[in-house]
Amino acid sequence: MAKQTFRFKSPGALSVLLVGDFTHWQEKPIAMKKSGHGIWRASVDLPPGVYHYRFMVDGEWRDDPESTLRVSNPFGSENAVRKVT
């Protein structure tokens, strides 16, 4: 297992959720915590592998602007990809 930290900047957001294949998408979202400067964070222990994820900000799907790896999803948008070694 490796601790992975996810970050999303949204100073005006009321709620940010981390959702991905490791949370069974919206079935078990991970609530992120707001820290200074409007940065939301969540840390997750993940075994080695490749994971797809997105953020849900106040009920709206959002991309991870920090992710350089992305794949198309069946909904016409893209999922971010996190590789854990």
Protein backbone atom coordinates (compact mmCIF):
# COMPACT_ATOMS: atom_id res chain seq x y z
CA MET A 1 0.00 0.00 0.00
CA ALA A 2 1.13 3.52 -0.74
CA LYS A 3 -0.42 6.69 0.66
CA GLN A 4 -1.65 8.87 -2.20
CA THR A 5 -2.64 12.47 -1.61
CA PHE A 6 -5.18 14.08 -3.91
CA ARG A 7 -5.54 17.88 -4.06
CA PHE A 8 -8.09 20.16 -5.67
CA LYS A 9 -8.11 23.96 -5.53
CA SER A 10 -11.57 25.46 -5.19
CA PRO A 11 -11.74 28.29 -2.64
CA GLY A 12 -15.49 28.85 -3.07
CA ALA A 13 -16.58 25.21 -2.94
CA LEU A 14 -18.81 23.97 -0.14
CA SER A 15 -17.99 20.30 -0.71
CA VAL A 16 -15.41 18.34 -2.71
CA LEU A 17 -15.55 14.57 -3.07
CA LEU A 18 -12.90 12.25 -4.47
CA VAL A 19 -14.53 9.56 -6.60
CA GLY A 20 -12.88 6.86 -8.66
CA ASP A 21 -12.68 3.19 -9.44
CA PHE A 22 -11.12 2.69 -5.97
CA THR A 23 -14.28 4.16 -4.34
CA HIS A 24 -16.65 2.32 -6.68
CA TRP A 25 -17.25 5.84 -8.05
CA GLN A 26 -20.21 7.47 -6.34
CA GLU A 27 -20.99 4.43 -4.19
CA LYS A 28 -18.32 5.29 -1.56
CA PRO A 29 -17.00 8.81 -2.27
CA ILE A 30 -14.24 10.21 -0.09
CA ALA A 31 -14.99 13.61 1.42
CA MET A 32 -12.03 15.93 1.03
CA LYS A 33 -11.01 18.40 3.75
CA LYS A 34 -10.48 22.08 3.04
CA SER A 35 -7.14 23.52 4.12
CA GLY A 36 -5.51 26.90 3.60
CA HIS A 37 -5.79 28.85 0.34
CA GLY A 38 -8.87 26.90 -0.79
CA ILE A 39 -6.99 23.62 -1.29
CA TRP A 40 -9.04 20.50 -0.63
CA ARG A 41 -7.10 17.33 0.27
CA ALA A 42 -7.67 13.62 0.82
CA SER A 43 -5.12 10.87 1.43
CA VAL A 44 -5.86 7.28 0.47
CA ASP A 45 -3.83 4.08 0.90
CA LEU A 46 -3.80 2.30 -2.46
CA PRO A 47 -2.08 -0.92 -3.53
CA PRO A 48 0.14 -0.76 -6.63
CA GLY A 49 -1.91 -0.35 -9.79
CA VAL A 50 -3.52 2.13 -12.15
CA TYR A 51 -6.55 4.09 -10.94
CA HIS A 52 -9.09 6.35 -12.66
CA TYR A 53 -10.71 9.19 -10.70
CA ARG A 54 -12.47 12.55 -10.82
CA PHE A 55 -13.63 15.16 -8.34
CA MET A 56 -17.22 16.10 -7.57
CA VAL A 57 -17.38 19.76 -6.54
CA ASP A 58 -20.72 20.91 -5.16
CA GLY A 59 -22.42 18.14 -7.15
CA GLU A 60 -20.61 18.87 -10.45
CA TRP A 61 -17.99 16.60 -12.06
CA ARG A 62 -14.55 18.23 -12.32
CA ASP A 63 -11.23 17.22 -13.86
CA ASP A 64 -7.97 17.17 -11.92
CA PRO A 65 -5.96 20.06 -13.43
CA GLU A 66 -2.77 18.63 -11.87
CA SER A 67 -3.10 15.26 -13.66
CA THR A 68 -1.19 14.90 -16.92
CA LEU A 69 -2.52 11.38 -17.59
CA ARG A 70 -6.15 11.19 -18.72
CA VAL A 71 -8.40 8.69 -20.46
CA SER A 72 -11.78 9.17 -22.13
CA ASN A 73 -14.78 7.86 -20.24
CA PRO A 74 -18.17 6.72 -21.57
CA PHE A 75 -19.78 10.03 -20.53
CA GLY A 76 -17.92 12.20 -23.05
CA SER A 77 -15.41 13.58 -20.56
CA GLU A 78 -12.10 12.36 -19.19
CA ASN A 79 -10.95 10.58 -16.06
CA ALA A 80 -7.62 11.41 -14.47
CA VAL A 81 -5.21 8.49 -14.08
CA ARG A 82 -3.01 7.84 -11.05
CA LYS A 83 -0.29 5.18 -11.26
CA VAL A 84 0.80 3.74 -7.92
CA THR A 85 4.11 1.82 -7.88
